[in-house]
Amino acid sequence: MADPLVNPVMQGDYQQNALEISTAQSADDVLKQADALVRHDSRADLMQAACYYLAAAHFLENQDPPRSAQAYHSAG
């Protein structure tokens, strides 16, 4: 999958998602949204899911490193 942050629209989506995550619970919610989008299996949904995974992974780096690593892996 191409790096979603190269695309300016996807970069904006990532930044918006990152701003909305303020707690571990909101990170969980974002990961659930990403999981749901992956099940749709369209390119647009997969790219949006990647942005969700990246935003959650970034937030979780200090709070829960193993979950962060899993979210980074899912983004790929």
N, C-alpha and C. Protein backbone atom coordinates (compact mmCIF):
# COMPACT_ATOMS: atom_id res chain seq x y z
N MET A 1 0.86 -1.17 0.00
CA MET A 1 0.00 0.00 0.00
C MET A 1 0.91 1.23 0.00
N ALA A 2 0.55 2.20 -0.78
CA ALA A 2 1.32 3.45 -0.84
C ALA A 2 1.19 4.20 0.48
N ASP A 3 2.19 5.01 0.75
CA ASP A 3 2.18 5.81 1.97
C ASP A 3 1.03 6.83 1.90
N PRO A 4 0.02 6.72 2.78
CA PRO A 4 -1.12 7.64 2.70
C PRO A 4 -0.75 9.08 3.01
N LEU A 5 0.38 9.29 3.65
CA LEU A 5 0.74 10.65 4.02
C LEU A 5 1.38 11.41 2.86
N VAL A 6 1.63 10.73 1.74
CA VAL A 6 2.14 11.40 0.55
C VAL A 6 1.01 12.17 -0.13
N ASN A 7 -0.19 11.65 -0.04
CA ASN A 7 -1.37 12.27 -0.63
C ASN A 7 -1.85 13.38 0.30
N PRO A 8 -1.97 14.63 -0.19
CA PRO A 8 -2.37 15.74 0.70
C PRO A 8 -3.74 15.54 1.35
N VAL A 9 -4.67 14.93 0.66
CA VAL A 9 -6.00 14.69 1.24
C VAL A 9 -5.88 13.69 2.38
N MET A 10 -5.13 12.62 2.15
CA MET A 10 -4.96 11.61 3.18
C MET A 10 -4.18 12.19 4.36
N GLN A 11 -3.22 13.05 4.10
CA GLN A 11 -2.46 13.68 5.18
C GLN A 11 -3.39 14.53 6.04
N GLY A 12 -4.32 15.24 5.42
CA GLY A 12 -5.30 16.03 6.17
C GLY A 12 -6.20 15.14 7.01
N ASP A 13 -6.63 14.01 6.44
CA ASP A 13 -7.45 13.06 7.20
C ASP A 13 -6.68 12.53 8.41
N TYR A 14 -5.42 12.18 8.19
CA TYR A 14 -4.59 11.67 9.30
C TYR A 14 -4.48 12.72 10.40
N GLN A 15 -4.20 13.96 10.03
CA GLN A 15 -4.04 15.01 11.03
C GLN A 15 -5.33 15.24 11.80
N GLN A 16 -6.46 15.22 11.11
CA GLN A 16 -7.75 15.38 11.78
C GLN A 16 -8.00 14.24 12.75
N ASN A 17 -7.73 13.01 12.31
CA ASN A 17 -7.92 11.84 13.18
C ASN A 17 -7.02 11.94 14.40
N ALA A 18 -5.79 12.34 14.20
CA ALA A 18 -4.84 12.45 15.32
C ALA A 18 -5.32 13.47 16.34
N LEU A 19 -5.90 14.56 15.88
CA LEU A 19 -6.40 15.59 16.79
C LEU A 19 -7.59 15.10 17.61
N GLU A 20 -8.37 14.19 17.03
CA GLU A 20 -9.58 13.71 17.71
C GLU A 20 -9.28 12.66 18.77
N ILE A 21 -8.10 12.08 18.74
CA ILE A 21 -7.75 11.05 19.72
C ILE A 21 -7.12 11.72 20.94
N SER A 22 -7.80 11.61 22.07
CA SER A 22 -7.28 12.24 23.28
C SER A 22 -7.17 11.26 24.44
N THR A 23 -7.75 10.08 24.31
CA THR A 23 -7.70 9.08 25.37
C THR A 23 -7.52 7.70 24.75
N ALA A 24 -7.16 6.74 25.57
CA ALA A 24 -7.04 5.36 25.09
C ALA A 24 -8.40 4.87 24.58
N GLN A 25 -9.48 5.29 25.21
CA GLN A 25 -10.81 4.88 24.75
C GLN A 25 -11.09 5.42 23.36
N SER A 26 -10.74 6.68 23.10
CA SER A 26 -10.97 7.22 21.77
C SER A 26 -10.06 6.53 20.75
N ALA A 27 -8.87 6.11 21.16
CA ALA A 27 -8.00 5.34 20.27
C ALA A 27 -8.66 4.01 19.93
N ASP A 28 -9.27 3.37 20.93
CA ASP A 28 -10.00 2.12 20.69
C ASP A 28 -11.12 2.33 19.69
N ASP A 29 -11.85 3.43 19.84
CA ASP A 29 -12.95 3.73 18.92
C ASP A 29 -12.43 3.92 17.49
N VAL A 30 -11.31 4.60 17.35
CA VAL A 30 -10.73 4.83 16.03
C VAL A 30 -10.28 3.50 15.43
N LEU A 31 -9.69 2.64 16.24
CA LEU A 31 -9.27 1.32 15.74
C LEU A 31 -10.47 0.48 15.31
N LYS A 32 -11.57 0.58 16.03
CA LYS A 32 -12.79 -0.14 15.64
C LYS A 32 -13.32 0.39 14.30
N GLN A 33 -13.27 1.71 14.12
CA GLN A 33 -13.70 2.29 12.84
C GLN A 33 -12.80 1.78 11.71
N ALA A 34 -11.50 1.72 11.97
CA ALA A 34 -10.57 1.24 10.95
C ALA A 34 -10.87 -0.21 10.60
N ASP A 35 -11.10 -1.04 11.61
CA ASP A 35 -11.42 -2.45 11.37
C ASP A 35 -12.68 -2.59 10.52
N ALA A 36 -13.67 -1.77 10.79
CA ALA A 36 -14.92 -1.81 10.02
C ALA A 36 -14.67 -1.40 8.56
N LEU A 37 -13.86 -0.40 8.36
CA LEU A 37 -13.56 0.05 6.99
C LEU A 37 -12.82 -1.01 6.20
N VAL A 38 -11.93 -1.73 6.85
CA VAL A 38 -11.16 -2.78 6.16
C VAL A 38 -12.09 -3.85 5.63
N ARG A 39 -13.15 -4.13 6.34
CA ARG A 39 -14.10 -5.16 5.90
C ARG A 39 -14.83 -4.76 4.62
N HIS A 40 -14.92 -3.46 4.32
CA HIS A 40 -15.59 -3.01 3.09
C HIS A 40 -14.76 -3.33 1.86
N ASP A 41 -13.46 -3.38 2.01
CA ASP A 41 -12.53 -3.82 0.99
C ASP A 41 -12.51 -2.96 -0.28
N SER A 42 -12.87 -1.69 -0.18
CA SER A 42 -12.69 -0.79 -1.33
C SER A 42 -11.40 0.00 -1.10
N ARG A 43 -10.80 0.47 -2.17
CA ARG A 43 -9.53 1.19 -2.05
C ARG A 43 -9.69 2.43 -1.16
N ALA A 44 -10.75 3.19 -1.37
CA ALA A 44 -10.96 4.40 -0.57
C ALA A 44 -11.11 4.06 0.91
N ASP A 45 -11.85 3.00 1.22
CA ASP A 45 -12.03 2.61 2.61
C ASP A 45 -10.72 2.10 3.21
N LEU A 46 -9.93 1.37 2.43
CA LEU A 46 -8.64 0.89 2.93
C LEU A 46 -7.69 2.04 3.22
N MET A 47 -7.70 3.06 2.38
CA MET A 47 -6.84 4.21 2.61
C MET A 47 -7.29 4.98 3.86
N GLN A 48 -8.59 5.12 4.03
CA GLN A 48 -9.11 5.79 5.23
C GLN A 48 -8.77 4.98 6.47
N ALA A 49 -8.90 3.65 6.38
CA ALA A 49 -8.55 2.79 7.51
C ALA A 49 -7.08 2.96 7.86
N ALA A 50 -6.22 3.05 6.85
CA ALA A 50 -4.79 3.24 7.12
C ALA A 50 -4.55 4.52 7.90
N CYS A 51 -5.25 5.58 7.55
CA CYS A 51 -5.12 6.84 8.29
C CYS A 51 -5.58 6.68 9.74
N TYR A 52 -6.67 5.95 9.95
CA TYR A 52 -7.15 5.70 11.31
C TYR A 52 -6.11 4.91 12.10
N TYR A 53 -5.59 3.84 11.48
CA TYR A 53 -4.58 3.03 12.17
C TYR A 53 -3.35 3.86 12.52
N LEU A 54 -2.90 4.68 11.58
CA LEU A 54 -1.71 5.51 11.84
C LEU A 54 -1.94 6.51 12.97
N ALA A 55 -3.10 7.14 12.97
CA ALA A 55 -3.40 8.12 14.02
C ALA A 55 -3.44 7.44 15.39
N ALA A 56 -4.11 6.28 15.45
CA ALA A 56 -4.19 5.56 16.73
C ALA A 56 -2.80 5.07 17.15
N ALA A 57 -2.03 4.57 16.21
CA ALA A 57 -0.70 4.07 16.52
C ALA A 57 0.18 5.18 17.08
N HIS A 58 0.10 6.33 16.47
CA HIS A 58 0.90 7.46 16.95
C HIS A 58 0.50 7.83 18.39
N PHE A 59 -0.79 7.90 18.65
CA PHE A 59 -1.26 8.23 19.99
C PHE A 59 -0.82 7.18 21.01
N LEU A 60 -0.89 5.92 20.64
CA LEU A 60 -0.62 4.83 21.57
C LEU A 60 0.86 4.57 21.81
N GLU A 61 1.74 5.24 21.09
CA GLU A 61 3.17 4.97 21.23
C GLU A 61 3.63 5.03 22.68
N ASN A 62 3.19 6.00 23.44
CA ASN A 62 3.61 6.14 24.83
C ASN A 62 2.68 5.42 25.81
N GLN A 63 1.41 5.28 25.46
CA GLN A 63 0.44 4.68 26.38
C GLN A 63 0.48 3.14 26.33
N ASP A 64 0.62 2.59 25.12
CA ASP A 64 0.54 1.14 24.95
C ASP A 64 1.38 0.74 23.73
N PRO A 65 2.70 0.64 23.89
CA PRO A 65 3.58 0.36 22.75
C PRO A 65 3.23 -0.90 21.96
N PRO A 66 2.84 -2.02 22.59
CA PRO A 66 2.48 -3.19 21.78
C PRO A 66 1.27 -2.95 20.88
N ARG A 67 0.25 -2.27 21.42
CA ARG A 67 -0.93 -1.95 20.58
C ARG A 67 -0.56 -0.96 19.50
N SER A 68 0.34 -0.04 19.81
CA SER A 68 0.82 0.91 18.81
C SER A 68 1.48 0.17 17.66
N ALA A 69 2.35 -0.76 18.00
CA ALA A 69 3.03 -1.54 16.96
C ALA A 69 2.03 -2.31 16.10
N GLN A 70 1.00 -2.88 16.74
CA GLN A 70 -0.02 -3.60 15.98
C GLN A 70 -0.77 -2.66 15.05
N ALA A 71 -1.09 -1.48 15.52
CA ALA A 71 -1.81 -0.52 14.67
C ALA A 71 -0.94 -0.07 13.49
N TYR A 72 0.36 0.15 13.74
CA TYR A 72 1.27 0.47 12.63
C TYR A 72 1.29 -0.67 11.62
N HIS A 73 1.35 -1.89 12.13
CA HIS A 73 1.35 -3.06 11.24
C HIS A 73 0.06 -3.12 10.41
N SER A 74 -1.07 -2.87 11.06
CA SER A 74 -2.36 -2.90 10.35
C SER A 74 -2.44 -1.81 9.29
N ALA A 75 -1.82 -0.67 9.54
CA ALA A 75 -1.84 0.43 8.56
C ALA A 75 -1.14 0.02 7.28
N GLY A 76 -0.16 -0.85 7.40
CA GLY A 76 0.60 -1.27 6.22
C GLY A 76 -0.16 -2.26 5.42
